[in-house]
Amino acid sequence: MKFLTADVLKDMLKAANNYLKLHVDKINSLNVFPVPDGDTGTNMAATFDSSIKEINGKTFEDVDKLMNAVAFGSLKGARGNSGVILSQLLRGFAKELKGKDVIDIPTFVACLKSASASAYKAVMKPTEGTMLTVARGIAEDVEKEVAEGIVSEIEDLLEVCISSGKKWLAKTPEMLPILKEANVVDSGGMGLVIIFEGMYKFLKEGAVFEEPSQQEVYTTITFKPEDINFTYCTEFFITGLKKNIEKEFKDYLETIGDSIIVIQDGDILKTHVHTNSPGRVLEKALKYGELINIKIDNMKYQHQEFISKREDFETEVQTQDEVITKEYGFVAVSQGEGFNEILKGLGVDYIIEGGQTMNPSAEDFVNAIKNVPAKNVFIFPNNKNVIMSAELSLQLVNTNKNVVIMKTTNIPECIAALIKFDLNKSIEENKKLMQEAIDSVKVVEVTKAVRNTKINGFEIEEGDFIGISKKEIVACDKDMQKVALACVEKIVDSTTQILSIYYGKDVALEDIEVLVKNIQERYPKIDIESYESGNEIYQLIIVAEM
C-alpha cells in the first residue's frame, strides 16, 4: 500500500487500540517499582481508548480531520505521564497532516518526526531511556530507511517502526540504571511498539483483535457529594498558648462535630470543625487563649445558594457558562475517606477520587475547574504521575478563572499547603507560602510489594512491606512495624517537631498504638499524631514536620 486513506487509518487505529488493551498486563509488569500504582499500560490504554471514542461512529473525509479528532480525544483522556506523552505524540503526528487527504510515505516520516518533537517539548526535563527515546529512535531510523530507498510500502514502513522500536527498547536499560537493576525495559516504550504492531497486523493480516472481556480497562472516576450532617463550618486560631492542647481540644471537638483539623505550632493552634454548636466550640477555645481569624459559614445555606445559582444560570445563554460565588477555590486528588474528610475540612471544594491506582484524566480536571465556583482555583494533583494531566487540562478548559497548579506529589504536601493558605494575602504570596510548606514536608509511604524484584539493593518478595521516599525504596521487611521504624529514621532530624501517621483502611488500630509507642520511646520530644486515611494502597503514610 502506497498511502493511507482516512477510512483505512481509522480502522488501523481501532485495531491498534484493541491490541494495546490485550497487552495492558504485559506492559504493567515492566513497571520498576513493585507497588500497586497507576501502571503505564493502564494509562496508555485509557488514553488511546479516549481517542477511539472520539472517532467512533463518525466519518472523516480526510486524514487531517481524522487525526485532529484522535489527538483531541487523547488530550481529554490523557492519564498519567505515559498517557500525556502518548497524547503529545498523537498531537504532533496530527500537526503534519494539515490540508492532507491521505498519508503517503514521505508524509508518514514527517509525522513521526513531528510526533517525537512534540512529545519532547511537552516534558520539562526529558529523560533518555524512556518512551521519548523510543519514539525519537523510530523517527530517525524510518527517515534513514526511506532515504535509502529500502521502504516502498506503508507495510514496510510499519515493519521498520516495529524493528526500530524493539532495538531502542533493548537499549533503555543501558540509559536508565534503575531499569537495568530491575532487569526490565521501559514500559512506555513497550506500549509504543505494541501500538505499531497492532497497526501493522491490521494492515498486513486484516486482524482487528477482540477487546478484553473485562468491563473496562480503566475505571471511570466519579465525584459523589455527601449529605451535610453538621451545618456550621467553624475556623479560627487560638494564640498565646502556654502548653500543647492539641489532643485535649481535638478529643472535645470529636464529641460535637466532624471534619476536625487541630494543628498546634508553638503557641498557635489552627482549628477547623463542622458542628451544629459553633458557640460551644468558641466558648471552649476561649478557655485556652485569645481567638483570631474567626470564620463561621452555614454550609447548608452555601450549598443551597450555589445550587440555586447554578440552576438559574443553566437557563441563560451558553456563552455565560461560569458561576463565581467566591474568590478562592480548591481542587484535590485524593484516595480514602479519611483523607477526603481532612481535605474537605481544610476547604477543598472538589475532590477527584483517584491517585496511585486511578490516575485522573485531563478531562476530570476540566470538569473540576468548571464545577468550582471561584475566581481563582488552586489544583493539587497529589501524585507525581498526575501532574502532567492536570497541566494538560489547562489546554482544554475554556474558562475565565485563574487556575494555579501546585505540583504536590502526595496528600500530606497538600495538607501542609492548605494550612498555610491565607485569605488575606495575594495569590502570589499564597503560592510562595504554600510552596514553602510543600518543600518543608518529609514523607515516607509504606505499602506491600505486588511482585518480586531487586531494586536499590533490596531483594523484594511479593507481599513484603516496603518503605518509599522520593520515589526510592528505603526499607523492606515482612514486618510492617520494622519497616515503619526504619522509615521514621530516614525522615526525622533535629528540626522535627511533629510526626503525623496516616494509617490505611486495613490497618488495625492496635498496630498503630504499638507503632506510636515505639516511636515515642525513640523520640520522646516529638509530638506524634495518628489519623485514619482510609487509603487502600498505603498501609502507612508518615510525615515529619518542623
Protein backbone atom coordinates (compact mmCIF):
# COMPACT_ATOMS: atom_id res chain seq x y z
CA MET A 1 0.00 0.00 0.00
CA LYS A 2 1.41 3.37 -1.06
CA PHE A 3 -0.81 5.59 1.09
CA LEU A 4 -3.44 5.53 3.84
CA THR A 5 -6.92 6.97 3.42
CA ALA A 6 -8.93 8.24 6.40
CA ASP A 7 -11.07 5.09 6.45
CA VAL A 8 -8.09 2.72 6.43
CA LEU A 9 -6.21 4.76 9.05
CA LYS A 10 -9.28 4.82 11.27
CA ASP A 11 -9.58 1.02 11.15
CA MET A 12 -5.84 0.67 11.80
CA LEU A 13 -6.08 2.83 14.91
CA LYS A 14 -9.09 0.91 16.22
CA ALA A 15 -7.23 -2.37 15.75
CA ALA A 16 -4.15 -0.95 17.49
CA ASN A 17 -6.36 0.21 20.36
CA ASN A 18 -7.73 -3.30 20.89
CA TYR A 19 -4.25 -4.80 20.55
CA LEU A 20 -2.92 -2.41 23.19
CA LYS A 21 -5.72 -3.38 25.58
CA LEU A 22 -4.78 -7.03 25.19
CA HIS A 23 -1.24 -6.24 26.35
CA VAL A 24 -2.00 -3.99 29.34
CA ASP A 25 -0.83 -6.57 31.90
CA LYS A 26 2.36 -7.25 29.95
CA ILE A 27 3.22 -3.53 29.90
CA ASN A 28 2.26 -3.06 33.56
CA SER A 29 4.57 -5.91 34.57
CA LEU A 30 7.53 -3.83 33.40
CA ASN A 31 6.96 -1.06 35.94
CA VAL A 32 10.10 -0.65 38.03
CA PHE A 33 8.51 -0.19 41.46
CA PRO A 34 6.73 -3.31 42.78
CA VAL A 35 3.83 -1.23 44.09
CA PRO A 36 0.15 -1.16 43.06
CA ASP A 37 0.29 2.11 41.18
CA GLY A 38 -1.15 3.89 38.14
CA ASP A 39 0.54 1.50 35.76
CA THR A 40 1.82 2.56 32.36
CA GLY A 41 -0.19 0.03 30.37
CA THR A 42 -3.43 1.02 32.04
CA ASN A 43 -2.80 4.72 31.46
CA MET A 44 -1.75 4.34 27.82
CA ALA A 45 -4.75 2.11 27.08
CA ALA A 46 -7.17 4.53 28.73
CA THR A 47 -5.67 7.46 26.81
CA PHE A 48 -5.72 5.70 23.44
CA ASP A 49 -9.25 4.42 24.10
CA SER A 50 -10.37 8.02 24.63
CA SER A 51 -9.03 8.80 21.14
CA ILE A 52 -11.03 5.99 19.58
CA LYS A 53 -14.22 7.03 21.37
CA GLU A 54 -13.77 10.46 19.78
CA ILE A 55 -13.86 8.97 16.25
CA ASN A 56 -16.27 6.06 16.71
CA GLY A 57 -19.50 6.42 14.75
CA LYS A 58 -18.14 9.32 12.69
CA THR A 59 -16.95 9.58 9.10
CA PHE A 60 -13.95 11.64 8.04
CA GLU A 61 -13.27 12.87 4.53
CA ASP A 62 -9.52 13.18 5.05
CA VAL A 63 -6.71 12.15 7.40
CA ASP A 64 -6.31 15.73 8.64
CA LYS A 65 -9.75 15.82 10.26
CA LEU A 66 -9.44 12.24 11.48
CA MET A 67 -6.13 12.71 13.28
CA ASN A 68 -7.22 16.03 14.76
CA ALA A 69 -10.15 14.21 16.35
CA VAL A 70 -7.82 11.43 17.53
CA ALA A 71 -5.42 13.97 19.05
CA PHE A 72 -8.25 15.85 20.77
CA GLY A 73 -9.67 12.64 22.21
CA SER A 74 -6.27 11.68 23.58
CA LEU A 75 -5.84 15.10 25.19
CA LYS A 76 -9.16 14.75 27.00
CA GLY A 77 -8.44 11.23 28.17
CA ALA A 78 -4.72 11.56 28.94
CA ARG A 79 -3.90 9.80 32.23
CA GLY A 80 -0.54 9.62 33.93
CA ASN A 81 2.79 10.66 32.47
CA SER A 82 2.76 7.91 29.84
CA GLY A 83 -0.75 8.86 28.74
CA VAL A 84 0.16 12.53 28.44
CA ILE A 85 3.27 11.68 26.39
CA LEU A 86 1.18 9.42 24.13
CA SER A 87 -1.32 12.25 23.64
CA GLN A 88 1.52 14.59 22.66
CA LEU A 89 2.86 12.04 20.17
CA LEU A 90 -0.58 11.86 18.56
CA ARG A 91 -0.89 15.62 18.62
CA GLY A 92 2.47 16.07 16.91
CA PHE A 93 1.56 13.42 14.34
CA ALA A 94 -1.68 15.27 13.56
CA LYS A 95 0.08 18.63 13.12
CA GLU A 96 1.87 17.44 9.98
CA LEU A 97 -1.38 16.45 8.30
CA LYS A 98 -2.86 19.92 7.86
CA GLY A 99 -4.61 20.02 4.49
CA LYS A 100 -3.73 16.39 3.72
CA ASP A 101 -6.27 13.95 2.29
CA VAL A 102 -4.09 10.84 2.64
CA ILE A 103 -0.81 9.78 4.26
CA ASP A 104 1.93 8.71 1.88
CA ILE A 105 5.39 7.53 2.92
CA PRO A 106 7.14 10.97 2.99
CA THR A 107 4.23 12.38 4.99
CA PHE A 108 4.37 9.46 7.43
CA VAL A 109 8.07 10.17 8.01
CA ALA A 110 7.34 13.85 8.68
CA CYS A 111 4.54 12.88 11.07
CA LEU A 112 6.84 10.60 13.10
CA LYS A 113 9.43 13.37 13.43
CA SER A 114 6.79 15.90 14.45
CA ALA A 115 5.32 13.45 16.97
CA SER A 116 8.70 12.94 18.65
CA ALA A 117 9.46 16.68 18.73
CA SER A 118 6.05 17.46 20.22
CA ALA A 119 6.47 14.86 22.99
CA TYR A 120 9.96 16.07 23.93
CA LYS A 121 8.70 19.65 24.06
CA ALA A 122 5.87 18.69 26.42
CA VAL A 123 8.20 17.21 29.05
CA MET A 124 10.02 19.77 31.17
CA LYS A 125 13.04 17.55 31.81
CA PRO A 126 13.13 14.80 29.16
CA THR A 127 14.77 11.60 30.37
CA GLU A 128 16.54 9.29 27.94
CA GLY A 129 15.78 5.60 28.25
CA THR A 130 12.03 6.23 28.21
CA MET A 131 9.29 6.14 25.56
CA LEU A 132 10.62 9.51 24.37
CA THR A 133 13.86 7.82 23.32
CA VAL A 134 11.98 5.02 21.58
CA ALA A 135 9.77 7.49 19.68
CA ARG A 136 12.74 9.56 18.55
CA GLY A 137 14.74 6.47 17.57
CA ILE A 138 11.86 5.18 15.46
CA ALA A 139 11.51 8.52 13.66
CA GLU A 140 15.25 8.70 12.91
CA ASP A 141 15.51 5.09 11.70
CA VAL A 142 12.43 5.33 9.48
CA GLU A 143 13.71 8.54 7.91
CA LYS A 144 17.05 6.87 7.16
CA GLU A 145 15.49 3.72 5.68
CA VAL A 146 13.16 5.74 3.46
CA ALA A 147 16.02 7.97 2.27
CA GLU A 148 18.00 4.86 1.29
CA GLY A 149 15.08 3.59 -0.78
CA ILE A 150 14.55 0.49 1.35
CA VAL A 151 10.92 1.37 2.15
CA SER A 152 8.40 1.39 -0.70
CA GLU A 153 5.13 0.43 1.01
CA ILE A 154 3.35 1.58 4.18
CA GLU A 155 3.61 -2.02 5.43
CA ASP A 156 7.41 -1.81 5.05
CA LEU A 157 7.44 1.46 6.97
CA LEU A 158 5.49 -0.05 9.87
CA GLU A 159 7.86 -3.02 9.92
CA VAL A 160 10.75 -0.57 10.36
CA CYS A 161 8.82 1.18 13.16
CA ILE A 162 8.50 -2.15 14.99
CA SER A 163 12.07 -3.38 14.48
CA SER A 164 13.49 0.04 15.34
CA GLY A 165 11.24 0.32 18.40
CA LYS A 166 12.43 -3.05 19.69
CA LYS A 167 16.05 -2.07 19.06
CA TRP A 168 15.73 1.15 21.05
CA LEU A 169 13.66 -0.60 23.70
CA ALA A 170 16.52 -3.04 24.28
CA LYS A 171 18.84 -0.07 24.82
CA THR A 172 16.72 1.59 27.52
CA PRO A 173 18.27 -0.35 30.46
CA GLU A 174 21.70 0.95 29.44
CA MET A 175 20.38 4.52 29.57
CA LEU A 176 18.47 4.20 32.84
CA PRO A 177 20.33 2.27 35.58
CA ILE A 178 17.10 1.70 37.51
CA LEU A 179 15.74 -0.32 34.56
CA LYS A 180 18.91 -2.37 34.41
CA GLU A 181 18.82 -3.14 38.12
CA ALA A 182 15.19 -4.26 37.90
CA ASN A 183 16.01 -6.24 34.72
CA VAL A 184 13.23 -4.64 32.65
CA VAL A 185 12.89 -2.40 29.60
CA ASP A 186 10.93 0.85 29.56
CA SER A 187 7.20 0.15 29.86
CA GLY A 188 6.08 3.22 27.88
CA GLY A 189 8.40 2.32 25.03
CA MET A 190 6.95 -1.19 25.03
CA GLY A 191 3.45 0.30 24.77
CA LEU A 192 4.52 2.34 21.75
CA VAL A 193 5.94 -0.73 19.97
CA ILE A 194 2.70 -2.63 20.67
CA ILE A 195 0.64 0.16 19.07
CA PHE A 196 2.73 -0.06 15.89
CA GLU A 197 2.39 -3.86 15.96
CA GLY A 198 -1.39 -3.55 16.14
CA MET A 199 -1.43 -1.18 13.17
CA TYR A 200 0.87 -3.45 11.16
CA LYS A 201 -1.09 -6.62 11.91
CA PHE A 202 -4.30 -4.97 10.73
CA LEU A 203 -2.74 -3.74 7.50
CA LYS A 204 -0.88 -6.97 6.76
CA GLU A 205 -3.30 -9.59 8.04
CA GLY A 206 -6.61 -7.77 8.46
CA ALA A 207 -6.51 -8.52 12.20
CA VAL A 208 -8.89 -6.38 14.28
CA PHE A 209 -8.49 -8.22 17.64
CA GLU A 210 -11.22 -8.75 20.18
CA GLU A 211 -11.47 -6.37 23.09
CA PRO A 212 -10.59 -7.76 26.54
CA SER A 213 -13.50 -9.39 28.35
CA GLN A 214 -13.25 -7.14 31.41
CA GLN A 215 -15.90 -4.48 31.69
CA GLU A 216 -13.41 -1.66 31.25
CA VAL A 217 -9.64 -1.40 31.03
CA TYR A 218 -9.85 1.68 33.21
CA THR A 219 -12.39 2.59 35.86
CA THR A 220 -14.11 5.91 35.36
CA ILE A 221 -13.52 8.32 38.22
CA THR A 222 -16.57 9.99 39.69
CA PHE A 223 -17.20 12.60 42.35
CA LYS A 224 -20.03 11.93 44.79
CA PRO A 225 -21.08 14.85 47.03
CA GLU A 226 -22.15 13.80 50.52
CA ASP A 227 -25.07 14.97 52.68
CA ILE A 228 -24.30 17.77 55.12
CA ASN A 229 -24.72 16.44 58.69
CA PHE A 230 -23.26 19.44 60.52
CA THR A 231 -24.37 22.91 59.49
CA TYR A 232 -21.57 25.26 60.52
CA CYS A 233 -18.02 25.23 59.20
CA THR A 234 -16.07 26.84 62.04
CA GLU A 235 -12.47 28.01 61.72
CA PHE A 236 -10.17 30.09 63.92
CA PHE A 237 -6.74 30.34 65.52
CA ILE A 238 -6.01 30.19 69.25
CA THR A 239 -2.96 32.28 70.21
CA GLY A 240 -0.86 32.71 73.33
CA LEU A 241 -0.88 29.05 74.32
CA LYS A 242 1.34 28.03 77.22
CA LYS A 243 1.20 24.27 76.61
CA ASN A 244 0.28 21.75 73.94
CA ILE A 245 -3.52 21.33 73.91
CA GLU A 246 -3.82 19.64 70.50
CA LYS A 247 -5.06 16.22 71.68
CA GLU A 248 -7.21 17.57 74.50
CA PHE A 249 -9.04 20.06 72.27
CA LYS A 250 -9.40 17.55 69.44
CA ASP A 251 -10.97 14.99 71.80
CA TYR A 252 -13.53 17.61 72.85
CA LEU A 253 -14.39 18.59 69.27
CA GLU A 254 -14.98 14.96 68.34
CA THR A 255 -17.95 14.94 70.74
CA ILE A 256 -19.77 17.75 68.88
CA GLY A 257 -18.62 17.67 65.25
CA ASP A 258 -16.65 16.11 62.41
CA SER A 259 -14.13 17.06 59.70
CA ILE A 260 -11.85 18.09 62.54
CA ILE A 261 -8.45 19.63 61.95
CA VAL A 262 -6.46 20.67 65.03
CA ILE A 263 -2.83 21.58 64.45
CA GLN A 264 -0.64 23.32 67.01
CA ASP A 265 2.57 25.09 66.04
CA GLY A 266 4.26 26.52 69.13
CA ASP A 267 1.88 28.93 70.85
CA ILE A 268 -0.64 28.98 67.96
CA LEU A 269 -3.31 26.37 67.22
CA LYS A 270 -5.32 26.20 63.99
CA THR A 271 -8.82 24.77 64.31
CA HIS A 272 -11.36 23.61 61.76
CA VAL A 273 -14.55 21.74 62.62
CA HIS A 274 -18.02 21.10 61.17
CA THR A 275 -20.52 21.39 64.01
CA ASN A 276 -24.07 22.35 64.92
CA SER A 277 -22.79 24.21 68.01
CA PRO A 278 -20.19 26.83 66.97
CA GLY A 279 -20.87 28.79 70.17
CA ARG A 280 -19.79 25.87 72.34
CA VAL A 281 -16.63 25.46 70.24
CA LEU A 282 -15.65 29.12 70.67
CA GLU A 283 -16.51 29.10 74.37
CA LYS A 284 -14.23 26.10 74.94
CA ALA A 285 -11.44 27.64 72.84
CA LEU A 286 -11.51 30.90 74.84
CA LYS A 287 -10.50 28.94 77.94
CA TYR A 288 -7.13 28.28 76.32
CA GLY A 289 -6.22 31.63 74.80
CA GLU A 290 -7.16 34.53 72.53
CA LEU A 291 -9.03 33.86 69.27
CA ILE A 292 -8.17 35.42 65.90
CA ASN A 293 -9.34 34.97 62.26
CA ILE A 294 -12.72 33.57 63.29
CA LYS A 295 -14.80 32.34 60.34
CA ILE A 296 -18.19 30.60 60.61
CA ASP A 297 -20.10 29.56 57.47
CA ASN A 298 -23.54 28.00 57.15
CA MET A 299 -22.73 25.15 54.75
CA LYS A 300 -26.36 24.23 54.05
CA TYR A 301 -27.10 27.80 53.02
CA GLN A 302 -23.96 27.97 50.88
CA HIS A 303 -24.83 24.68 49.20
CA GLN A 304 -28.44 25.73 48.50
CA GLU A 305 -27.27 29.13 47.23
CA PHE A 306 -24.78 27.53 44.87
CA ILE A 307 -27.34 25.00 43.56
CA SER A 308 -29.88 27.80 43.08
CA LYS A 309 -27.40 29.98 41.21
CA ARG A 310 -26.28 27.08 39.09
CA GLU A 311 -29.88 26.17 38.17
CA ASP A 312 -30.70 29.78 37.35
CA PHE A 313 -27.56 30.09 35.35
CA GLU A 314 -28.29 26.98 33.29
CA THR A 315 -31.31 28.78 31.84
CA GLU A 316 -29.10 31.56 30.48
CA VAL A 317 -27.16 31.52 27.23
CA GLN A 318 -24.21 29.15 26.97
CA THR A 319 -21.70 31.95 26.39
CA GLN A 320 -22.09 32.88 30.07
CA ASP A 321 -21.34 29.45 31.47
CA GLU A 322 -19.43 30.15 34.70
CA VAL A 323 -20.77 30.66 38.22
CA ILE A 324 -18.49 32.69 40.50
CA THR A 325 -19.55 32.92 44.14
CA LYS A 326 -16.20 33.40 45.88
CA GLU A 327 -12.59 34.48 45.42
CA TYR A 328 -10.73 31.20 46.02
CA GLY A 329 -11.48 27.54 45.40
CA PHE A 330 -9.53 24.30 45.75
CA VAL A 331 -9.42 21.02 43.83
CA ALA A 332 -7.54 17.99 45.17
CA VAL A 333 -6.95 14.43 44.04
CA SER A 334 -7.49 12.02 46.93
CA GLN A 335 -7.92 8.35 47.81
CA GLY A 336 -9.54 7.29 51.07
CA GLU A 337 -12.48 8.62 53.09
CA GLY A 338 -10.22 9.78 55.92
CA PHE A 339 -8.10 11.86 53.56
CA ASN A 340 -11.23 13.17 51.84
CA GLU A 341 -12.63 14.43 55.14
CA ILE A 342 -9.36 16.08 56.12
CA LEU A 343 -9.12 17.86 52.78
CA LYS A 344 -12.74 19.00 52.87
CA GLY A 345 -12.11 20.22 56.38
CA LEU A 346 -9.28 22.37 55.08
CA GLY A 347 -11.53 23.98 52.49
CA VAL A 348 -11.23 21.76 49.41
CA ASP A 349 -14.31 22.31 47.22
CA TYR A 350 -13.95 19.42 44.79
CA ILE A 351 -12.29 16.08 45.35
CA ILE A 352 -11.30 13.96 42.36
CA GLU A 353 -11.29 10.36 43.51
CA GLY A 354 -8.05 8.90 42.24
CA GLY A 355 -4.31 8.96 42.62
CA GLN A 356 -1.97 5.99 42.73
CA THR A 357 -4.08 3.27 41.11
CA MET A 358 -6.53 5.57 39.33
CA ASN A 359 -4.74 8.41 37.59
CA PRO A 360 -7.37 11.05 36.70
CA SER A 361 -7.61 12.23 33.11
CA ALA A 362 -7.18 15.79 31.90
CA GLU A 363 -10.94 15.86 31.36
CA ASP A 364 -11.51 15.06 35.04
CA PHE A 365 -9.60 18.22 35.92
CA VAL A 366 -11.55 20.24 33.33
CA ASN A 367 -14.80 19.15 34.99
CA ALA A 368 -13.43 20.04 38.42
CA ILE A 369 -12.38 23.53 37.30
CA LYS A 370 -15.83 24.13 35.81
CA ASN A 371 -17.60 22.97 38.98
CA VAL A 372 -15.70 25.10 41.48
CA PRO A 373 -17.48 28.50 41.66
CA ALA A 374 -14.34 30.54 42.38
CA LYS A 375 -12.45 33.28 40.58
CA ASN A 376 -9.12 31.63 41.45
CA VAL A 377 -8.85 27.83 41.51
CA PHE A 378 -5.88 26.01 43.05
CA ILE A 379 -5.31 22.41 41.94
CA PHE A 380 -3.40 19.84 43.99
CA PRO A 381 -2.58 16.70 41.90
CA ASN A 382 -1.06 14.92 44.94
CA ASN A 383 0.78 12.39 42.79
CA LYS A 384 3.82 12.76 40.55
CA ASN A 385 2.09 10.74 37.84
CA VAL A 386 -0.93 13.06 37.83
CA ILE A 387 0.76 16.47 37.48
CA MET A 388 1.06 16.32 33.68
CA SER A 389 -2.65 15.52 33.27
CA ALA A 390 -3.51 18.49 35.48
CA GLU A 391 -1.28 20.75 33.40
CA LEU A 392 -2.76 19.38 30.18
CA SER A 393 -6.26 20.32 31.36
CA LEU A 394 -5.33 23.99 31.05
CA GLN A 395 -5.06 23.50 27.28
CA LEU A 396 -8.58 22.07 27.17
CA VAL A 397 -10.62 24.15 29.58
CA ASN A 398 -12.49 27.21 28.34
CA THR A 399 -12.60 29.46 31.38
CA ASN A 400 -12.03 32.98 32.64
CA LYS A 401 -10.95 31.60 36.00
CA ASN A 402 -7.34 31.90 37.12
CA VAL A 403 -6.15 28.31 37.57
CA VAL A 404 -3.00 27.59 39.57
CA ILE A 405 -1.47 24.11 39.75
CA MET A 406 0.54 23.37 42.87
CA LYS A 407 2.79 20.42 41.98
CA THR A 408 2.11 18.31 45.07
CA THR A 409 3.23 14.69 44.86
CA ASN A 410 1.31 13.37 47.87
CA ILE A 411 -1.61 14.32 50.10
CA PRO A 412 0.47 15.42 53.14
CA GLU A 413 2.11 18.09 50.94
CA CYS A 414 -1.37 19.28 50.02
CA ILE A 415 -2.44 19.37 53.68
CA ALA A 416 0.64 21.40 54.61
CA ALA A 417 -0.03 23.85 51.78
CA LEU A 418 -3.71 24.32 52.65
CA ILE A 419 -2.86 25.02 56.29
CA LYS A 420 -0.57 27.85 55.18
CA PHE A 421 -3.13 29.42 52.83
CA ASP A 422 -4.15 32.90 53.99
CA LEU A 423 -7.30 34.56 52.61
CA ASN A 424 -5.85 37.98 53.39
CA LYS A 425 -2.80 37.53 51.15
CA SER A 426 -2.43 37.82 47.37
CA ILE A 427 -2.28 34.87 45.00
CA GLU A 428 1.47 35.23 44.54
CA GLU A 429 2.06 35.49 48.29
CA ASN A 430 -0.06 32.39 48.88
CA LYS A 431 1.73 30.46 46.13
CA LYS A 432 5.03 31.24 47.84
CA LEU A 433 3.71 30.33 51.30
CA MET A 434 2.23 27.07 50.08
CA GLN A 435 5.32 26.09 48.09
CA GLU A 436 7.49 26.67 51.16
CA ALA A 437 5.17 24.39 53.13
CA ILE A 438 5.30 21.74 50.40
CA ASP A 439 9.10 21.86 50.31
CA SER A 440 9.39 21.50 54.09
CA VAL A 441 7.38 18.28 54.36
CA LYS A 442 9.22 14.95 54.57
CA VAL A 443 7.10 11.94 53.64
CA VAL A 444 7.57 8.16 53.60
CA GLU A 445 4.96 5.70 52.38
CA VAL A 446 4.62 2.06 53.41
CA THR A 447 2.87 -0.42 51.14
CA LYS A 448 3.03 -4.08 50.11
CA ALA A 449 5.09 -5.26 47.15
CA VAL A 450 2.96 -6.78 44.40
CA ARG A 451 5.77 -8.71 42.73
CA ASN A 452 9.30 -9.99 43.24
CA THR A 453 12.11 -7.67 42.21
CA LYS A 454 15.54 -6.38 43.08
CA ILE A 455 15.97 -2.62 43.43
CA ASN A 456 18.13 -0.19 45.42
CA GLY A 457 19.99 -3.19 46.86
CA PHE A 458 16.81 -4.74 48.28
CA GLU A 459 15.74 -8.28 47.40
CA ILE A 460 11.98 -7.79 47.47
CA GLU A 461 9.42 -10.58 47.51
CA GLU A 462 5.73 -10.25 46.76
CA GLY A 463 3.87 -9.40 49.98
CA ASP A 464 6.86 -7.72 51.68
CA PHE A 465 6.29 -4.33 53.27
CA ILE A 466 8.36 -1.64 51.56
CA GLY A 467 9.03 1.97 52.52
CA ILE A 468 9.23 4.58 49.77
CA SER A 469 10.60 8.12 49.99
CA LYS A 470 11.03 10.43 46.99
CA LYS A 471 10.44 7.56 44.54
CA GLU A 472 13.17 5.50 46.19
CA ILE A 473 12.76 2.33 48.24
CA VAL A 474 14.36 2.93 51.63
CA ALA A 475 13.22 -0.10 53.66
CA CYS A 476 11.94 -3.64 53.17
CA ASP A 477 10.81 -6.35 55.59
CA LYS A 478 8.00 -8.81 56.18
CA ASP A 479 7.18 -6.93 59.42
CA MET A 480 5.32 -3.62 58.93
CA GLN A 481 6.49 -2.28 62.31
CA LYS A 482 10.16 -2.74 61.38
CA VAL A 483 9.69 -1.02 58.02
CA ALA A 484 7.81 1.86 59.65
CA LEU A 485 10.54 2.43 62.25
CA ALA A 486 13.23 2.31 59.57
CA CYS A 487 11.27 4.86 57.55
CA VAL A 488 10.90 7.18 60.52
CA GLU A 489 14.68 7.16 60.97
CA LYS A 490 15.02 8.35 57.36
CA ILE A 491 12.91 11.49 57.83
CA VAL A 492 13.38 12.55 61.46
CA ASP A 493 16.16 15.02 62.23
CA SER A 494 16.96 17.68 64.84
CA THR A 495 14.36 20.08 63.37
CA THR A 496 11.44 17.63 63.55
CA GLN A 497 8.73 18.71 65.98
CA ILE A 498 5.68 16.80 64.77
CA LEU A 499 5.25 13.33 63.31
CA SER A 500 1.89 12.56 61.67
CA ILE A 501 0.94 8.97 60.89
CA TYR A 502 -1.88 8.34 58.42
CA TYR A 503 -2.96 4.70 58.54
CA GLY A 504 -4.82 2.88 55.80
CA LYS A 505 -8.09 1.03 55.53
CA ASP A 506 -6.85 -2.41 56.55
CA VAL A 507 -4.52 -1.39 59.38
CA ALA A 508 -5.64 -2.29 62.91
CA LEU A 509 -5.77 0.50 65.48
CA GLU A 510 -3.86 -1.76 67.88
CA ASP A 511 -0.94 -1.86 65.44
CA ILE A 512 -0.90 1.92 65.25
CA GLU A 513 -0.91 2.23 69.03
CA VAL A 514 2.11 -0.10 69.21
CA LEU A 515 3.88 1.88 66.49
CA VAL A 516 3.23 5.22 68.19
CA LYS A 517 4.51 3.81 71.49
CA ASN A 518 7.71 2.51 69.86
CA ILE A 519 8.38 5.77 68.03
CA GLN A 520 7.68 7.83 71.15
CA GLU A 521 10.23 5.79 73.11
CA ARG A 522 12.87 6.58 70.49
CA TYR A 523 11.88 10.23 70.03
CA PRO A 524 10.35 11.43 73.33
CA LYS A 525 10.46 15.14 72.38
CA ILE A 526 8.46 14.76 69.17
CA ASP A 527 4.65 15.16 69.15
CA ILE A 528 3.06 12.19 67.39
CA GLU A 529 -0.45 12.27 65.90
CA SER A 530 -2.27 9.46 64.08
CA TYR A 531 -5.14 9.82 61.60
CA GLU A 532 -7.20 7.29 59.67
CA SER A 533 -6.66 7.88 55.94
CA GLY A 534 -8.92 5.16 54.58
CA ASN A 535 -6.36 4.65 51.82
CA GLU A 536 -6.38 1.19 50.26
CA ILE A 537 -2.88 1.35 48.74
CA TYR A 538 -0.65 2.61 51.53
CA GLN A 539 -0.80 0.95 54.93
CA LEU A 540 1.08 3.94 56.35
CA ILE A 541 1.99 7.44 55.26
CA ILE A 542 4.34 9.05 57.77
CA VAL A 543 5.08 12.77 57.74
CA ALA A 544 7.80 14.71 59.57
CA GLU A 545 7.22 18.44 60.07
CA MET A 546 9.28 21.22 61.57
